[in-house]
PDB file of N, CA and C in Angstrom:
ATOM      1  N   ILE A   1     117.097 103.419  98.113  1.00  0.00           N
ATOM      2  CA  ILE A   1     117.376 102.362  99.071  1.00  0.00           C
ATOM      3  C   ILE A   1     117.410 101.047  98.298  1.00  0.00           C
ATOM      4  N   GLU A   2     118.512 100.385  98.357  1.00  0.00           N
ATOM      5  CA  GLU A   2     118.658  99.145  97.623  1.00  0.00           C
ATOM      6  C   GLU A   2     117.868  98.031  98.305  1.00  0.00           C
ATOM      7  N   GLY A   3     117.126  97.267  97.506  1.00  0.00           N
ATOM      8  CA  GLY A   3     116.380  96.143  98.053  1.00  0.00           C
ATOM      9  C   GLY A   3     114.906  96.402  98.262  1.00  0.00           C
ATOM     10  N   ILE A   4     114.430  97.622  98.024  1.00  0.00           N
ATOM     11  CA  ILE A   4     113.001  97.911  98.131  1.00  0.00           C
ATOM     12  C   ILE A   4     112.460  98.116  96.718  1.00  0.00           C
ATOM     13  N   HIS A   5     111.492  97.287  96.337  1.00  0.00           N
ATOM     14  CA  HIS A   5     110.918  97.332  94.996  1.00  0.00           C
ATOM     15  C   HIS A   5     109.422  97.635  95.091  1.00  0.00           C
ATOM     16  N   VAL A   6     108.978  98.601  94.281  1.00  0.00           N
ATOM     17  CA  VAL A   6     107.589  99.055  94.303  1.00  0.00           C
ATOM     18  C   VAL A   6     106.973  98.824  92.931  1.00  0.00           C
ATOM     19  N   PHE A   7     105.762  98.251  92.900  1.00  0.00           N
ATOM     20  CA  PHE A   7     105.052  98.137  91.627  1.00  0.00           C
ATOM     21  C   PHE A   7     103.555  98.067  91.865  1.00  0.00           C
ATOM     22  N   MET A   8     102.809  98.459  90.849  1.00  0.00           N
ATOM     23  CA  MET A   8     101.346  98.443  90.900  1.00  0.00           C
ATOM     24  C   MET A   8     100.860  97.204  90.178  1.00  0.00           C
ATOM     25  N   ASN A   9     100.078  96.385  90.858  1.00  0.00           N
ATOM     26  CA  ASN A   9      99.459  95.217  90.253  1.00  0.00           C
ATOM     27  C   ASN A   9      98.056  95.637  89.842  1.00  0.00           C
ATOM     28  N   ASN A  10      97.938  96.215  88.634  1.00  0.00           N
ATOM     29  CA  ASN A  10      96.676  96.783  88.177  1.00  0.00           C
ATOM     30  C   ASN A  10      95.525  95.772  88.066  1.00  0.00           C
ATOM     31  N   PRO A  11      95.762  94.540  87.595  1.00  0.00           N
ATOM     32  CA  PRO A  11      94.633  93.603  87.470  1.00  0.00           C
ATOM     33  C   PRO A  11      93.906  93.334  88.797  1.00  0.00           C
ATOM     34  N   ILE A  12      94.620  93.356  89.922  1.00  0.00           N
ATOM     35  CA  ILE A  12      93.952  93.103  91.204  1.00  0.00           C
ATOM     36  C   ILE A  12      93.830  94.359  92.053  1.00  0.00           C
ATOM     37  N   GLY A  13      94.328  95.498  91.543  1.00  0.00           N
ATOM     38  CA  GLY A  13      94.174  96.769  92.243  1.00  0.00           C
ATOM     39  C   GLY A  13      94.960  96.860  93.542  1.00  0.00           C
ATOM     40  N   GLU A  14      96.203  96.384  93.514  1.00  0.00           N
ATOM     41  CA  GLU A  14      97.042  96.425  94.717  1.00  0.00           C
ATOM     42  C   GLU A  14      98.389  97.057  94.430  1.00  0.00           C
ATOM     43  N   LEU A  15      98.811  97.887  95.348  1.00  0.00           N
ATOM     44  CA  LEU A  15     100.165  98.417  95.355  1.00  0.00           C
ATOM     45  C   LEU A  15     101.003  97.403  96.112  1.00  0.00           C
ATOM     46  N   GLN A  16     102.069  96.905  95.480  1.00  0.00           N
ATOM     47  CA  GLN A  16     102.873  95.872  96.113  1.00  0.00           C
ATOM     48  C   GLN A  16     104.296  96.358  96.306  1.00  0.00           C
ATOM     49  N   ILE A  17     104.829  96.102  97.485  1.00  0.00           N
ATOM     50  CA  ILE A  17     106.173  96.525  97.844  1.00  0.00           C
ATOM     51  C   ILE A  17     106.922  95.315  98.393  1.00  0.00           C
ATOM     52  N   LYS A  18     108.068  95.042  97.820  1.00  0.00           N
ATOM     53  CA  LYS A  18     108.917  93.960  98.317  1.00  0.00           C
ATOM     54  C   LYS A  18     110.113  94.602  99.004  1.00  0.00           C
ATOM     55  N   ASN A  19     110.292  94.276 100.273  1.00  0.00           N
ATOM     56  CA  ASN A  19     111.376  94.847 101.055  1.00  0.00           C
ATOM     57  C   ASN A  19     112.409  93.764 101.350  1.00  0.00           C
ATOM     58  N   ASN A  20     113.465  93.743 100.544  1.00  0.00           N
ATOM     59  CA  ASN A  20     114.547  92.789 100.757  1.00  0.00           C
ATOM     60  C   ASN A  20     115.735  93.448 101.441  1.00  0.00           C
ATOM     61  N   SER A  21     115.534  94.662 101.937  1.00  0.00           N
ATOM     62  CA  SER A  21     116.610  95.375 102.627  1.00  0.00           C
ATOM     63  C   SER A  21     116.462  95.167 104.134  1.00  0.00           C
ATOM     64  N   THR A  22     117.389  95.734 104.876  1.00  0.00           N
ATOM     65  CA  THR A  22     117.318  95.660 106.334  1.00  0.00           C
ATOM     66  C   THR A  22     116.577  96.865 106.907  1.00  0.00           C
ATOM     67  N   GLU A  23     116.138  97.773 106.028  1.00  0.00           N
ATOM     68  CA  GLU A  23     115.441  98.984 106.470  1.00  0.00           C
ATOM     69  C   GLU A  23     114.027  98.670 106.943  1.00  0.00           C
ATOM     70  N   GLU A  24     113.605  99.336 108.009  1.00  0.00           N
ATOM     71  CA  GLU A  24     112.231  99.217 108.494  1.00  0.00           C
ATOM     72  C   GLU A  24     111.409 100.338 107.877  1.00  0.00           C
ATOM     73  N   ILE A  25     110.315  99.985 107.203  1.00  0.00           N
ATOM     74  CA  ILE A  25     109.443 100.989 106.577  1.00  0.00           C
ATOM     75  C   ILE A  25     108.529 101.559 107.637  1.00  0.00           C
ATOM     76  N   LEU A  26     108.534 102.887 107.778  1.00  0.00           N
ATOM     77  CA  LEU A  26     107.702 103.565 108.780  1.00  0.00           C
ATOM     78  C   LEU A  26     106.324 103.903 108.241  1.00  0.00           C
ATOM     79  N   ASN A  27     106.278 104.495 107.028  1.00  0.00           N
ATOM     80  CA  ASN A  27     104.993 104.774 106.408  1.00  0.00           C
ATOM     81  C   ASN A  27     105.156 104.874 104.902  1.00  0.00           C
ATOM     82  N   ILE A  28     104.000 104.816 104.211  1.00  0.00           N
ATOM     83  CA  ILE A  28     103.966 104.866 102.754  1.00  0.00           C
ATOM     84  C   ILE A  28     102.932 105.916 102.366  1.00  0.00           C
ATOM     85  N   THR A  29     103.305 106.811 101.448  1.00  0.00           N
ATOM     86  CA  THR A  29     102.412 107.882 101.014  1.00  0.00           C
ATOM     87  C   THR A  29     102.231 107.797  99.506  1.00  0.00           C
ATOM     88  N   LEU A  30     100.974 107.953  99.045  1.00  0.00           N
ATOM     89  CA  LEU A  30     100.667 108.004  97.617  1.00  0.00           C
ATOM     90  C   LEU A  30     100.383 109.454  97.256  1.00  0.00           C
ATOM     91  N   ILE A  31     101.112 109.972  96.264  1.00  0.00           N
ATOM     92  CA  ILE A  31     101.005 111.378  95.862  1.00  0.00           C
ATOM     93  C   ILE A  31     100.634 111.434  94.384  1.00  0.00           C
ATOM     94  N   ASN A  32      99.637 112.283  94.040  1.00  0.00           N
ATOM     95  CA  ASN A  32      99.232 112.389  92.641  1.00  0.00           C
ATOM     96  C   ASN A  32     100.159 113.320  91.871  1.00  0.00           C
ATOM     97  N   SER A  33      99.887 113.494  90.568  1.00  0.00           N
ATOM     98  CA  SER A  33     100.776 114.283  89.713  1.00  0.00           C
ATOM     99  C   SER A  33     100.742 115.775  90.040  1.00  0.00           C
ATOM    100  N   LEU A  34      99.769 116.220  90.826  1.00  0.00           N
ATOM    101  CA  LEU A  34      99.693 117.623  91.246  1.00  0.00           C
ATOM    102  C   LEU A  34     100.429 117.859  92.566  1.00  0.00           C
ATOM    103  N   GLY A  35     100.983 116.779  93.133  1.00  0.00           N
ATOM    104  CA  GLY A  35     101.703 116.902  94.394  1.00  0.00           C
ATOM    105  C   GLY A  35     100.808 116.781  95.617  1.00  0.00           C
ATOM    106  N   GLN A  36      99.559 116.382  95.403  1.00  0.00           N
ATOM    107  CA  GLN A  36      98.612 116.233  96.514  1.00  0.00           C
ATOM    108  C   GLN A  36      98.692 114.830  97.095  1.00  0.00           C
ATOM    109  N   THR A  37      98.655 114.744  98.415  1.00  0.00           N
ATOM    110  CA  THR A  37      98.648 113.446  99.084  1.00  0.00           C
ATOM    111  C   THR A  37      97.278 112.802  98.900  1.00  0.00           C
ATOM    112  N   VAL A  38      97.274 111.594  98.348  1.00  0.00           N
ATOM    113  CA  VAL A  38      96.038 110.859  98.093  1.00  0.00           C
ATOM    114  C   VAL A  38      95.750 109.881  99.224  1.00  0.00           C
ATOM    115  N   LYS A  39      96.791 109.218  99.724  1.00  0.00           N
ATOM    116  CA  LYS A  39      96.609 108.189 100.749  1.00  0.00           C
ATOM    117  C   LYS A  39      97.903 108.046 101.550  1.00  0.00           C
ATOM    118  N   ILE A  40      97.746 107.769 102.848  1.00  0.00           N
ATOM    119  CA  ILE A  40      98.892 107.491 103.712  1.00  0.00           C
ATOM    120  C   ILE A  40      98.614 106.194 104.462  1.00  0.00           C
ATOM    121  N   TRP A  41      99.582 105.299 104.455  1.00  0.00           N
ATOM    122  CA  TRP A  41      99.482 104.057 105.224  1.00  0.00           C
ATOM    123  C   TRP A  41     100.494 104.120 106.358  1.00  0.00           C
ATOM    124  N   ASN A  42     100.034 103.879 107.581  1.00  0.00           N
ATOM    125  CA  ASN A  42     100.904 103.901 108.763  1.00  0.00           C
ATOM    126  C   ASN A  42     100.783 102.595 109.539  1.00  0.00           C
ATOM    127  N   SER A  43     100.893 101.492 108.861  1.00  0.00           N
ATOM    128  CA  SER A  43     100.737 100.192 109.513  1.00  0.00           C
ATOM    129  C   SER A  43     102.084  99.649 109.951  1.00  0.00           C
ATOM    130  N   ASN A  44     102.060  98.442 110.484  1.00  0.00           N
ATOM    131  CA  ASN A  44     103.289  97.743 110.816  1.00  0.00           C
ATOM    132  C   ASN A  44     103.803  97.090 109.534  1.00  0.00           C
ATOM    133  N   PHE A  45     104.917  97.574 109.026  1.00  0.00           N
ATOM    134  CA  PHE A  45     105.460  97.070 107.769  1.00  0.00           C
ATOM    135  C   PHE A  45     106.688  96.211 107.990  1.00  0.00           C
ATOM    136  N   ASN A  46     106.723  95.451 109.069  1.00  0.00           N
ATOM    137  CA  ASN A  46     107.859  94.586 109.374  1.00  0.00           C
ATOM    138  C   ASN A  46     107.755  93.253 108.645  1.00  0.00           C
ATOM    139  N   ILE A  47     107.269  93.290 107.411  1.00  0.00           N
ATOM    140  CA  ILE A  47     107.149  92.075 106.604  1.00  0.00           C
ATOM    141  C   ILE A  47     107.859  92.302 105.276  1.00  0.00           C
ATOM    142  N   ARG A  48     108.204  91.242 104.606  1.00  0.00           N
ATOM    143  CA  ARG A  48     108.954  91.332 103.351  1.00  0.00           C
ATOM    144  C   ARG A  48     108.094  91.787 102.170  1.00  0.00           C
ATOM    145  N   THR A  49     106.847  91.298 102.092  1.00  0.00           N
ATOM    146  CA  THR A  49     105.967  91.648 100.984  1.00  0.00           C
ATOM    147  C   THR A  49     104.745  92.365 101.526  1.00  0.00           C
ATOM    148  N   ILE A  50     104.536  93.593 101.053  1.00  0.00           N
ATOM    149  CA  ILE A  50     103.422  94.417 101.499  1.00  0.00           C
ATOM    150  C   ILE A  50     102.448  94.557 100.327  1.00  0.00           C
ATOM    151  N   SER A  51     101.172  94.240 100.551  1.00  0.00           N
ATOM    152  CA  SER A  51     100.133  94.407  99.532  1.00  0.00           C
ATOM    153  C   SER A  51      99.088  95.362 100.077  1.00  0.00           C
ATOM    154  N   LEU A  52      98.926  96.493  99.391  1.00  0.00           N
ATOM    155  CA  LEU A  52      97.988  97.511  99.841  1.00  0.00           C
ATOM    156  C   LEU A  52      96.879  97.680  98.804  1.00  0.00           C
ATOM    157  N   PRO A  53      95.610  97.408  99.178  1.00  0.00           N
ATOM    158  CA  PRO A  53      94.515  97.623  98.234  1.00  0.00           C
ATOM    159  C   PRO A  53      94.452  99.102  97.861  1.00  0.00           C
ATOM    160  N   LEU A  54      94.255  99.379  96.579  1.00  0.00           N
ATOM    161  CA  LEU A  54      94.305 100.756  96.121  1.00  0.00           C
ATOM    162  C   LEU A  54      93.304 100.977  95.009  1.00  0.00           C
ATOM    163  N   SER A  55      92.416 101.936  95.204  1.00  0.00           N
ATOM    164  CA  SER A  55      91.506 102.343  94.130  1.00  0.00           C
ATOM    165  C   SER A  55      91.666 103.854  93.964  1.00  0.00           C
ATOM    166  N   ALA A  56      92.256 104.238  92.854  1.00  0.00           N
ATOM    167  CA  ALA A  56      92.480 105.652  92.554  1.00  0.00           C
ATOM    168  C   ALA A  56      92.274 105.851  91.057  1.00  0.00           C
ATOM    169  N   ALA A  57      92.118 107.089  90.660  1.00  0.00           N
ATOM    170  CA  ALA A  57      91.908 107.403  89.243  1.00  0.00           C
ATOM    171  C   ALA A  57      93.143 107.007  88.429  1.00  0.00           C
ATOM    172  N   THR A  58      92.911 106.707  87.157  1.00  0.00           N
ATOM    173  CA  THR A  58      94.005 106.365  86.253  1.00  0.00           C
ATOM    174  C   THR A  58      94.998 107.519  86.183  1.00  0.00           C
ATOM    175  N   GLY A  59      96.271 107.184  86.209  1.00  0.00           N
ATOM    176  CA  GLY A  59      97.293 108.215  86.087  1.00  0.00           C
ATOM    177  C   GLY A  59      98.615 107.796  86.685  1.00  0.00           C
ATOM    178  N   VAL A  60      99.552 108.729  86.684  1.00  0.00           N
ATOM    179  CA  VAL A  60     100.883 108.505  87.240  1.00  0.00           C
ATOM    180  C   VAL A  60     100.904 109.054  88.664  1.00  0.00           C
ATOM    181  N   TYR A  61     101.425 108.263  89.573  1.00  0.00           N
ATOM    182  CA  TYR A  61     101.498 108.637  90.981  1.00  0.00           C
ATOM    183  C   TYR A  61     102.923 108.424  91.483  1.00  0.00           C
ATOM    184  N   ILE A  62     103.220 109.044  92.593  1.00  0.00           N
ATOM    185  CA  ILE A  62     104.509 108.832  93.262  1.00  0.00           C
ATOM    186  C   ILE A  62     104.219 108.103  94.567  1.00  0.00           C
ATOM    187  N   VAL A  63     104.945 107.028  94.802  1.00  0.00           N
ATOM    188  CA  VAL A  63     104.870 106.303  96.057  1.00  0.00           C
ATOM    189  C   VAL A  63     106.096 106.699  96.859  1.00  0.00           C
ATOM    190  N   GLN A  64     105.863 107.319  97.999  1.00  0.00           N
ATOM    191  CA  GLN A  64     106.960 107.755  98.864  1.00  0.00           C
ATOM    192  C   GLN A  64     107.023 106.815 100.061  1.00  0.00           C
ATOM    193  N   ILE A  65     108.188 106.213 100.268  1.00  0.00           N
ATOM    194  CA  ILE A  65     108.383 105.266 101.356  1.00  0.00           C
ATOM    195  C   ILE A  65     109.374 105.882 102.335  1.00  0.00           C
ATOM    196  N   ASN A  66     108.960 106.032 103.575  1.00  0.00           N
ATOM    197  CA  ASN A  66     109.827 106.602 104.602  1.00  0.00           C
ATOM    198  C   ASN A  66     110.353 105.490 105.504  1.00  0.00           C
ATOM    199  N   THR A  67     111.666 105.453 105.657  1.00  0.00           N
ATOM    200  CA  THR A  67     112.301 104.515 106.579  1.00  0.00           C
ATOM    201  C   THR A  67     112.984 105.333 107.663  1.00  0.00           C
ATOM    202  N   LYS A  68     113.617 104.649 108.595  1.00  0.00           N
ATOM    203  CA  LYS A  68     114.308 105.359 109.672  1.00  0.00           C
ATOM    204  C   LYS A  68     115.490 106.167 109.152  1.00  0.00           C
ATOM    205  N   LYS A  69     116.098 105.705 108.046  1.00  0.00           N
ATOM    206  CA  LYS A  69     117.314 106.350 107.545  1.00  0.00           C
ATOM    207  C   LYS A  69     117.103 107.228 106.319  1.00  0.00           C
ATOM    208  N   ALA A  70     116.083 106.956 105.504  1.00  0.00           N
ATOM    209  CA  ALA A  70     115.961 107.667 104.227  1.00  0.00           C
ATOM    210  C   ALA A  70     114.517 107.673 103.736  1.00  0.00           C
ATOM    211  N   THR A  71     114.316 108.413 102.641  1.00  0.00           N
ATOM    212  CA  THR A  71     113.026 108.448 101.963  1.00  0.00           C
ATOM    213  C   THR A  71     113.239 108.021 100.518  1.00  0.00           C
ATOM    214  N   LEU A  72     112.371 107.133 100.048  1.00  0.00           N
ATOM    215  CA  LEU A  72     112.451 106.613  98.687  1.00  0.00           C
ATOM    216  C   LEU A  72     111.204 107.037  97.939  1.00  0.00           C
ATOM    217  N   ALA A  73     111.350 107.487  96.693  1.00  0.00           N
ATOM    218  CA  ALA A  73     110.197 107.866  95.872  1.00  0.00           C
ATOM    219  C   ALA A  73     110.249 107.105  94.560  1.00  0.00           C
ATOM    220  N   ASN A  74     109.122 106.464  94.206  1.00  0.00           N
ATOM    221  CA  ASN A  74     109.005 105.709  92.953  1.00  0.00           C
ATOM    222  C   ASN A  74     107.754 106.140  92.219  1.00  0.00           C
ATOM    223  N   LYS A  75     107.826 106.180  90.890  1.00  0.00           N
ATOM    224  CA  LYS A  75     106.643 106.457  90.077  1.00  0.00           C
ATOM    225  C   LYS A  75     105.925 105.158  89.788  1.00  0.00           C
ATOM    226  N   ILE A  76     104.583 105.200  89.805  1.00  0.00           N
ATOM    227  CA  ILE A  76     103.791 104.047  89.382  1.00  0.00           C
ATOM    228  C   ILE A  76     102.692 104.544  88.449  1.00  0.00           C
ATOM    229  N   LEU A  77     102.150 103.641  87.655  1.00  0.00           N
ATOM    230  CA  LEU A  77     101.054 103.954  86.757  1.00  0.00           C
ATOM    231  C   LEU A  77      99.845 103.141  87.180  1.00  0.00           C
ATOM    232  N   ILE A  78      98.754 103.836  87.451  1.00  0.00           N
ATOM    233  CA  ILE A  78      97.507 103.162  87.795  1.00  0.00           C
ATOM    234  C   ILE A  78      96.625 103.194  86.554  1.00  0.00           C
ATOM    235  N   LYS A  79      96.180 102.008  86.116  1.00  0.00           N
ATOM    236  CA  LYS A  79      95.337 101.897  84.918  1.00  0.00           C
ATOM    237  C   LYS A  79      93.909 101.659  85.298  1.00  0.00           C
TER     238      LYS A  79
END
């Protein structure tokens, strides 16, 4: 989905998502490298910048973003 950017702000421990698209985000899921769901957020995401506090073990995770039209998956690194 063009216009949705995902990144981990490790110094402050926040997952940050910038939504510059017209898509409405329904939920966000954090998945570990074993394919296990670690966390699900089901809030109102009708804002441009989403900051989600996150404390998880160091490693590579997949952030799955579900919108009304599509699903987006991005890799992030938690340090």
